PDB file of N, CA and C in Angstrom:
ATOM      1  N   MET A   1     103.102 110.966 106.164  1.00  0.00           N
ATOM      2  CA  MET A   1     102.765 111.251 107.726  1.00  0.00           C
ATOM      3  C   MET A   1     102.319 112.841 108.118  1.00  0.00           C
ATOM      4  N   ASP A   2     101.379 113.240 108.662  1.00  0.00           N
ATOM      5  CA  ASP A   2     101.264 114.756 108.979  1.00  0.00           C
ATOM      6  C   ASP A   2     102.288 114.957 110.076  1.00  0.00           C
ATOM      7  N   ILE A   3     102.719 116.370 110.281  1.00  0.00           N
ATOM      8  CA  ILE A   3     103.730 116.713 111.047  1.00  0.00           C
ATOM      9  C   ILE A   3     103.266 116.637 112.533  1.00  0.00           C
ATOM     10  N   ASN A   4     101.972 116.739 112.903  1.00  0.00           N
ATOM     11  CA  ASN A   4     101.410 116.672 113.958  1.00  0.00           C
ATOM     12  C   ASN A   4     101.108 115.358 114.446  1.00  0.00           C
ATOM     13  N   ARG A   5     100.899 114.397 113.721  1.00  0.00           N
ATOM     14  CA  ARG A   5     100.726 113.111 114.293  1.00  0.00           C
ATOM     15  C   ARG A   5     102.199 112.612 114.568  1.00  0.00           C
ATOM     16  N   ALA A   6     103.262 112.935 113.859  1.00  0.00           N
ATOM     17  CA  ALA A   6     104.637 112.465 114.117  1.00  0.00           C
ATOM     18  C   ALA A   6     104.963 113.206 115.775  1.00  0.00           C
ATOM     19  N   LYS A   7     104.714 114.355 115.933  1.00  0.00           N
ATOM     20  CA  LYS A   7     104.960 115.170 117.117  1.00  0.00           C
ATOM     21  C   LYS A   7     104.226 114.197 118.120  1.00  0.00           C
ATOM     22  N   GLU A   8     102.881 113.849 117.933  1.00  0.00           N
ATOM     23  CA  GLU A   8     102.297 113.075 119.296  1.00  0.00           C
ATOM     24  C   GLU A   8     103.255 111.783 119.109  1.00  0.00           C
ATOM     25  N   ILE A   9     103.197 111.115 118.253  1.00  0.00           N
ATOM     26  CA  ILE A   9     104.154 109.707 118.481  1.00  0.00           C
ATOM     27  C   ILE A   9     105.345 110.144 119.285  1.00  0.00           C
ATOM     28  N   ALA A  10     106.340 110.804 118.671  1.00  0.00           N
ATOM     29  CA  ALA A  10     107.454 111.203 119.191  1.00  0.00           C
ATOM     30  C   ALA A  10     107.595 111.490 120.841  1.00  0.00           C
ATOM     31  N   ALA A  11     106.299 112.091 121.423  1.00  0.00           N
ATOM     32  CA  ALA A  11     106.051 112.377 122.515  1.00  0.00           C
ATOM     33  C   ALA A  11     105.025 111.105 123.466  1.00  0.00           C
ATOM     34  N   SER A  12     104.712 110.238 122.699  1.00  0.00           N
ATOM     35  CA  SER A  12     104.206 109.254 123.420  1.00  0.00           C
ATOM     36  C   SER A  12     104.930 108.065 124.208  1.00  0.00           C
ATOM     37  N   PRO A  13     104.441 107.704 124.964  1.00  0.00           N
ATOM     38  CA  PRO A  13     105.433 106.575 125.830  1.00  0.00           C
ATOM     39  C   PRO A  13     105.204 105.262 125.106  1.00  0.00           C
ATOM     40  N   VAL A  14     103.980 105.312 124.234  1.00  0.00           N
ATOM     41  CA  VAL A  14     103.419 104.013 123.515  1.00  0.00           C
ATOM     42  C   VAL A  14     104.343 103.832 122.446  1.00  0.00           C
ATOM     43  N   MET A  15     105.038 102.846 122.107  1.00  0.00           N
ATOM     44  CA  MET A  15     105.465 102.451 120.531  1.00  0.00           C
ATOM     45  C   MET A  15     104.518 102.122 119.353  1.00  0.00           C
ATOM     46  N   GLU A  16     104.602 103.028 118.421  1.00  0.00           N
ATOM     47  CA  GLU A  16     103.764 102.902 117.243  1.00  0.00           C
ATOM     48  C   GLU A  16     104.477 102.589 116.220  1.00  0.00           C
ATOM     49  N   ASP A  17     103.638 101.770 115.506  1.00  0.00           N
ATOM     50  CA  ASP A  17     104.414 101.076 114.114  1.00  0.00           C
ATOM     51  C   ASP A  17     104.702 102.035 112.976  1.00  0.00           C
ATOM     52  N   VAL A  18     105.801 102.509 112.929  1.00  0.00           N
ATOM     53  CA  VAL A  18     106.146 103.917 112.002  1.00  0.00           C
ATOM     54  C   VAL A  18     106.887 102.960 111.160  1.00  0.00           C
ATOM     55  N   LYS A  19     107.003 103.511 109.786  1.00  0.00           N
ATOM     56  CA  LYS A  19     107.981 102.780 108.711  1.00  0.00           C
ATOM     57  C   LYS A  19     108.821 103.947 108.191  1.00  0.00           C
ATOM     58  N   TYR A  20     109.635 103.932 107.447  1.00  0.00           N
ATOM     59  CA  TYR A  20     110.251 104.681 106.654  1.00  0.00           C
ATOM     60  C   TYR A  20     111.225 103.540 105.905  1.00  0.00           C
ATOM     61  N   ASN A  21     110.764 103.809 104.486  1.00  0.00           N
ATOM     62  CA  ASN A  21     111.292 102.795 103.278  1.00  0.00           C
ATOM     63  C   ASN A  21     110.993 101.330 103.834  1.00  0.00           C
ATOM     64  N   GLY A  22     110.197 101.053 104.247  1.00  0.00           N
ATOM     65  CA  GLY A  22     109.695  99.604 104.771  1.00  0.00           C
ATOM     66  C   GLY A  22     110.605  99.126 105.723  1.00  0.00           C
ATOM     67  N   LYS A  23     111.010 100.046 106.686  1.00  0.00           N
ATOM     68  CA  LYS A  23     111.655  99.663 108.022  1.00  0.00           C
ATOM     69  C   LYS A  23     111.123 100.305 109.162  1.00  0.00           C
ATOM     70  N   GLN A  24     110.719  99.343 110.041  1.00  0.00           N
ATOM     71  CA  GLN A  24     110.187 100.154 111.345  1.00  0.00           C
ATOM     72  C   GLN A  24     111.443 100.701 112.125  1.00  0.00           C
ATOM     73  N   VAL A  25     110.701 102.194 112.210  1.00  0.00           N
ATOM     74  CA  VAL A  25     111.566 102.950 112.924  1.00  0.00           C
ATOM     75  C   VAL A  25     111.063 103.742 114.309  1.00  0.00           C
ATOM     76  N   TYR A  26     111.958 104.281 114.856  1.00  0.00           N
ATOM     77  CA  TYR A  26     111.444 105.257 116.282  1.00  0.00           C
ATOM     78  C   TYR A  26     111.841 106.363 116.093  1.00  0.00           C
ATOM     79  N   ILE A  27     110.985 107.447 116.712  1.00  0.00           N
ATOM     80  CA  ILE A  27     110.952 108.892 115.833  1.00  0.00           C
ATOM     81  C   ILE A  27     111.417 109.236 117.400  1.00  0.00           C
ATOM     82  N   GLN A  28     112.594 110.336 117.429  1.00  0.00           N
ATOM     83  CA  GLN A  28     113.216 110.342 118.276  1.00  0.00           C
ATOM     84  C   GLN A  28     112.872 112.253 118.671  1.00  0.00           C
ATOM     85  N   HIS A  29     113.108 113.101 117.671  1.00  0.00           N
ATOM     86  CA  HIS A  29     112.313 114.400 117.453  1.00  0.00           C
ATOM     87  C   HIS A  29     111.519 114.931 116.377  1.00  0.00           C
ATOM     88  N   VAL A  30     110.974 115.507 116.473  1.00  0.00           N
ATOM     89  CA  VAL A  30     110.345 116.409 115.096  1.00  0.00           C
ATOM     90  C   VAL A  30     110.839 117.807 115.218  1.00  0.00           C
ATOM     91  N   ASP A  31     111.402 118.291 113.985  1.00  0.00           N
ATOM     92  CA  ASP A  31     111.470 119.408 113.770  1.00  0.00           C
ATOM     93  C   ASP A  31     110.468 120.583 112.766  1.00  0.00           C
ATOM     94  N   ASP A  32     109.759 121.124 113.429  1.00  0.00           N
ATOM     95  CA  ASP A  32     108.401 121.880 112.957  1.00  0.00           C
ATOM     96  C   ASP A  32     109.058 122.619 111.660  1.00  0.00           C
ATOM     97  N   ALA A  33     110.098 123.636 112.082  1.00  0.00           N
ATOM     98  CA  ALA A  33     110.439 124.431 111.112  1.00  0.00           C
ATOM     99  C   ALA A  33     110.739 123.868 109.626  1.00  0.00           C
ATOM    100  N   ASN A  34     111.472 122.647 109.809  1.00  0.00           N
ATOM    101  CA  ASN A  34     111.939 122.209 108.552  1.00  0.00           C
ATOM    102  C   ASN A  34     111.104 120.947 108.089  1.00  0.00           C
ATOM    103  N   GLU A  35     109.895 120.735 108.790  1.00  0.00           N
ATOM    104  CA  GLU A  35     109.012 119.514 108.858  1.00  0.00           C
ATOM    105  C   GLU A  35     110.114 118.174 108.501  1.00  0.00           C
ATOM    106  N   THR A  36     110.909 117.891 109.564  1.00  0.00           N
ATOM    107  CA  THR A  36     111.767 116.679 109.318  1.00  0.00           C
ATOM    108  C   THR A  36     111.470 115.996 110.752  1.00  0.00           C
ATOM    109  N   ALA A  37     111.812 114.991 110.858  1.00  0.00           N
ATOM    110  CA  ALA A  37     112.033 113.913 112.163  1.00  0.00           C
ATOM    111  C   ALA A  37     113.457 113.291 112.097  1.00  0.00           C
ATOM    112  N   ARG A  38     113.846 113.403 113.558  1.00  0.00           N
ATOM    113  CA  ARG A  38     115.149 112.574 113.540  1.00  0.00           C
ATOM    114  C   ARG A  38     114.393 111.081 113.932  1.00  0.00           C
ATOM    115  N   ILE A  39     114.946 110.148 113.453  1.00  0.00           N
ATOM    116  CA  ILE A  39     114.708 108.893 113.498  1.00  0.00           C
ATOM    117  C   ILE A  39     115.560 107.753 113.621  1.00  0.00           C
ATOM    118  N   TYR A  40     115.496 106.393 114.089  1.00  0.00           N
ATOM    119  CA  TYR A  40     116.284 105.531 113.915  1.00  0.00           C
ATOM    120  C   TYR A  40     115.832 104.173 113.598  1.00  0.00           C
ATOM    121  N   PRO A  41     116.272 103.226 112.937  1.00  0.00           N
ATOM    122  CA  PRO A  41     115.670 101.655 112.586  1.00  0.00           C
ATOM    123  C   PRO A  41     115.517 101.077 113.977  1.00  0.00           C
ATOM    124  N   LEU A  42     114.770 100.223 114.215  1.00  0.00           N
ATOM    125  CA  LEU A  42     114.640  99.867 115.283  1.00  0.00           C
ATOM    126  C   LEU A  42     115.668  98.483 115.576  1.00  0.00           C
ATOM    127  N   THR A  43     116.170  98.129 114.235  1.00  0.00           N
ATOM    128  CA  THR A  43     117.326  97.033 114.142  1.00  0.00           C
ATOM    129  C   THR A  43     118.492  97.694 114.283  1.00  0.00           C
ATOM    130  N   ASP A  44     118.574  99.085 114.213  1.00  0.00           N
ATOM    131  CA  ASP A  44     120.009  99.575 114.293  1.00  0.00           C
ATOM    132  C   ASP A  44     119.946 101.184 114.865  1.00  0.00           C
ATOM    133  N   PRO A  45     119.705 101.135 116.345  1.00  0.00           N
ATOM    134  CA  PRO A  45     119.577 102.409 116.741  1.00  0.00           C
ATOM    135  C   PRO A  45     120.729 103.417 116.774  1.00  0.00           C
ATOM    136  N   GLU A  46     121.792 102.866 116.059  1.00  0.00           N
ATOM    137  CA  GLU A  46     122.969 103.238 115.922  1.00  0.00           C
ATOM    138  C   GLU A  46     122.864 104.567 114.721  1.00  0.00           C
ATOM    139  N   GLN A  47     122.170 104.092 114.025  1.00  0.00           N
ATOM    140  CA  GLN A  47     121.859 104.712 112.479  1.00  0.00           C
ATOM    141  C   GLN A  47     120.963 105.853 112.390  1.00  0.00           C
ATOM    142  N   GLU A  48     121.332 106.675 113.093  1.00  0.00           N
ATOM    143  CA  GLU A  48     120.117 107.910 113.249  1.00  0.00           C
ATOM    144  C   GLU A  48     120.224 108.876 111.661  1.00  0.00           C
ATOM    145  N   LEU A  49     118.918 109.024 111.430  1.00  0.00           N
ATOM    146  CA  LEU A  49     118.525 109.598 109.945  1.00  0.00           C
ATOM    147  C   LEU A  49     117.764 110.834 110.447  1.00  0.00           C
ATOM    148  N   GLU A  50     117.833 111.673 109.497  1.00  0.00           N
ATOM    149  CA  GLU A  50     117.180 113.171 109.760  1.00  0.00           C
ATOM    150  C   GLU A  50     116.082 112.987 108.158  1.00  0.00           C
ATOM    151  N   VAL A  51     114.891 113.021 108.032  1.00  0.00           N
ATOM    152  CA  VAL A  51     114.074 112.430 107.239  1.00  0.00           C
ATOM    153  C   VAL A  51     113.016 113.324 106.989  1.00  0.00           C
ATOM    154  N   PRO A  52     112.510 113.750 106.014  1.00  0.00           N
ATOM    155  CA  PRO A  52     111.083 114.462 105.944  1.00  0.00           C
ATOM    156  C   PRO A  52     110.031 113.666 106.527  1.00  0.00           C
ATOM    157  N   VAL A  53     108.989 114.289 107.322  1.00  0.00           N
ATOM    158  CA  VAL A  53     108.302 113.707 108.096  1.00  0.00           C
ATOM    159  C   VAL A  53     107.211 113.040 106.996  1.00  0.00           C
ATOM    160  N   ARG A  54     106.897 113.479 105.837  1.00  0.00           N
ATOM    161  CA  ARG A  54     105.920 113.100 104.779  1.00  0.00           C
ATOM    162  C   ARG A  54     106.402 111.607 104.242  1.00  0.00           C
ATOM    163  N   SER A  55     107.556 111.284 104.375  1.00  0.00           N
ATOM    164  CA  SER A  55     108.000 110.216 104.189  1.00  0.00           C
ATOM    165  C   SER A  55     107.858 108.934 105.400  1.00  0.00           C
ATOM    166  N   LEU A  56     107.406 109.550 106.485  1.00  0.00           N
ATOM    167  CA  LEU A  56     107.314 108.366 107.510  1.00  0.00           C
ATOM    168  C   LEU A  56     105.677 107.773 107.322  1.00  0.00           C
ATOM    169  N   VAL A  57     105.435 106.476 107.610  1.00  0.00           N
ATOM    170  CA  VAL A  57     103.791 105.546 107.238  1.00  0.00           C
ATOM    171  C   VAL A  57     103.445 104.978 108.605  1.00  0.00           C
ATOM    172  N   GLU A  58     102.801 105.261 109.012  1.00  0.00           N
ATOM    173  CA  GLU A  58     102.403 104.935 110.366  1.00  0.00           C
ATOM    174  C   GLU A  58     101.220 103.792 110.009  1.00  0.00           C
ATOM    175  N   GLN A  59     101.423 102.620 110.463  1.00  0.00           N
ATOM    176  CA  GLN A  59     100.719 101.133 110.180  1.00  0.00           C
ATOM    177  C   GLN A  59      99.748 100.619 111.353  1.00  0.00           C
ATOM    178  N   SER A  60     100.096 101.398 112.536  1.00  0.00           N
ATOM    179  CA  SER A  60      99.259 101.043 113.611  1.00  0.00           C
ATOM    180  C   SER A  60      97.675 101.455 113.569  1.00  0.00           C
ATOM    181  N   SER A  61      97.429 102.110 112.605  1.00  0.00           N
ATOM    182  CA  SER A  61      95.857 102.473 112.707  1.00  0.00           C
ATOM    183  C   SER A  61      95.108 101.125 112.147  1.00  0.00           C
ATOM    184  N   THR A  62      95.431 100.757 111.203  1.00  0.00           N
ATOM    185  CA  THR A  62      94.682  99.427 110.721  1.00  0.00           C
ATOM    186  C   THR A  62      94.664  98.493 111.661  1.00  0.00           C
ATOM    187  N   MET A  63      96.105  97.883 112.064  1.00  0.00           N
ATOM    188  CA  MET A  63      96.389  96.630 113.237  1.00  0.00           C
ATOM    189  C   MET A  63      95.430  97.033 114.269  1.00  0.00           C
ATOM    190  N   GLY A  64      95.339  98.147 114.831  1.00  0.00           N
ATOM    191  CA  GLY A  64      94.634  98.709 116.102  1.00  0.00           C
ATOM    192  C   GLY A  64      93.207  98.099 115.900  1.00  0.00           C
ATOM    193  N   MET A  65      92.516  98.507 114.671  1.00  0.00           N
ATOM    194  CA  MET A  65      91.107  98.146 114.477  1.00  0.00           C
ATOM    195  C   MET A  65      91.038  96.735 114.329  1.00  0.00           C
ATOM    196  N   LYS A  66      92.020  95.876 113.785  1.00  0.00           N
ATOM    197  CA  LYS A  66      91.849  94.545 113.241  1.00  0.00           C
ATOM    198  C   LYS A  66      92.052  93.836 114.798  1.00  0.00           C
ATOM    199  N   VAL A  67      92.760  94.129 115.566  1.00  0.00           N
ATOM    200  CA  VAL A  67      92.833  93.763 116.982  1.00  0.00           C
ATOM    201  C   VAL A  67      91.854  93.789 118.046  1.00  0.00           C
ATOM    202  N   ASP A  68      91.075  95.078 117.887  1.00  0.00           N
ATOM    203  CA  ASP A  68      89.803  95.236 118.390  1.00  0.00           C
ATOM    204  C   ASP A  68      88.860  94.334 118.120  1.00  0.00           C
ATOM    205  N   GLN A  69      88.686  94.284 116.541  1.00  0.00           N
ATOM    206  CA  GLN A  69      87.603  93.093 116.320  1.00  0.00           C
ATOM    207  C   GLN A  69      87.824  91.886 116.451  1.00  0.00           C
ATOM    208  N   VAL A  70      88.864  91.370 116.461  1.00  0.00           N
ATOM    209  CA  VAL A  70      89.437  90.313 116.939  1.00  0.00           C
ATOM    210  C   VAL A  70      88.984  89.841 118.640  1.00  0.00           C
ATOM    211  N   ALA A  71      89.329  91.024 119.656  1.00  0.00           N
ATOM    212  CA  ALA A  71      89.103  90.821 120.879  1.00  0.00           C
ATOM    213  C   ALA A  71      87.630  90.532 120.902  1.00  0.00           C
ATOM    214  N   CYS A  72      86.632  91.520 120.210  1.00  0.00           N
ATOM    215  CA  CYS A  72      85.508  91.471 120.477  1.00  0.00           C
ATOM    216  C   CYS A  72      84.794  90.209 120.103  1.00  0.00           C
ATOM    217  N   ARG A  73      85.151  89.587 118.888  1.00  0.00           N
ATOM    218  CA  ARG A  73      84.690  88.285 118.457  1.00  0.00           C
ATOM    219  C   ARG A  73      85.093  87.325 119.472  1.00  0.00           C
ATOM    220  N   ALA A  74      85.993  87.437 120.140  1.00  0.00           N
ATOM    221  CA  ALA A  74      86.806  86.279 121.409  1.00  0.00           C
ATOM    222  C   ALA A  74      85.630  86.553 122.239  1.00  0.00           C
ATOM    223  N   SER A  75      85.254  87.552 122.764  1.00  0.00           N
ATOM    224  CA  SER A  75      84.388  87.844 123.888  1.00  0.00           C
ATOM    225  C   SER A  75      82.875  87.203 123.528  1.00  0.00           C
ATOM    226  N   LEU A  76      82.461  87.404 122.453  1.00  0.00           N
ATOM    227  CA  LEU A  76      81.169  86.758 122.085  1.00  0.00           C
ATOM    228  C   LEU A  76      81.028  85.473 121.947  1.00  0.00           C
ATOM    229  N   ASP A  77      82.281  84.889 121.247  1.00  0.00           N
ATOM    230  CA  ASP A  77      82.647  83.501 121.399  1.00  0.00           C
ATOM    231  C   ASP A  77      82.346  82.539 122.536  1.00  0.00           C
ATOM    232  N   GLY A  78      83.098  83.414 123.461  1.00  0.00           N
ATOM    233  CA  GLY A  78      83.069  83.099 124.772  1.00  0.00           C
ATOM    234  C   GLY A  78      81.790  82.592 125.786  1.00  0.00           C
ATOM    235  N   ASN A  79      80.878  83.190 125.731  1.00  0.00           N
ATOM    236  CA  ASN A  79      79.777  83.595 126.506  1.00  0.00           C
ATOM    237  C   ASN A  79      78.664  82.394 125.980  1.00  0.00           C
TER     238      ASN A  79
END
């Protein structure tokens, strides 16, 4: 993940689908100088980790597009 995107996600009130080692995580803070992020798994908020930002993967970009396409199709079918 790009460090600027990680900072956007950390500052956003919207929960994004971010994964670290296959587990969904929450980004608490991004450290520009070290290019790391403080995260925790959603299933275990007590387990905070400091990880390289590059090791984070955002999943929601593709999901968002699929949801929009389904919504458009549902609107067209309903008319």
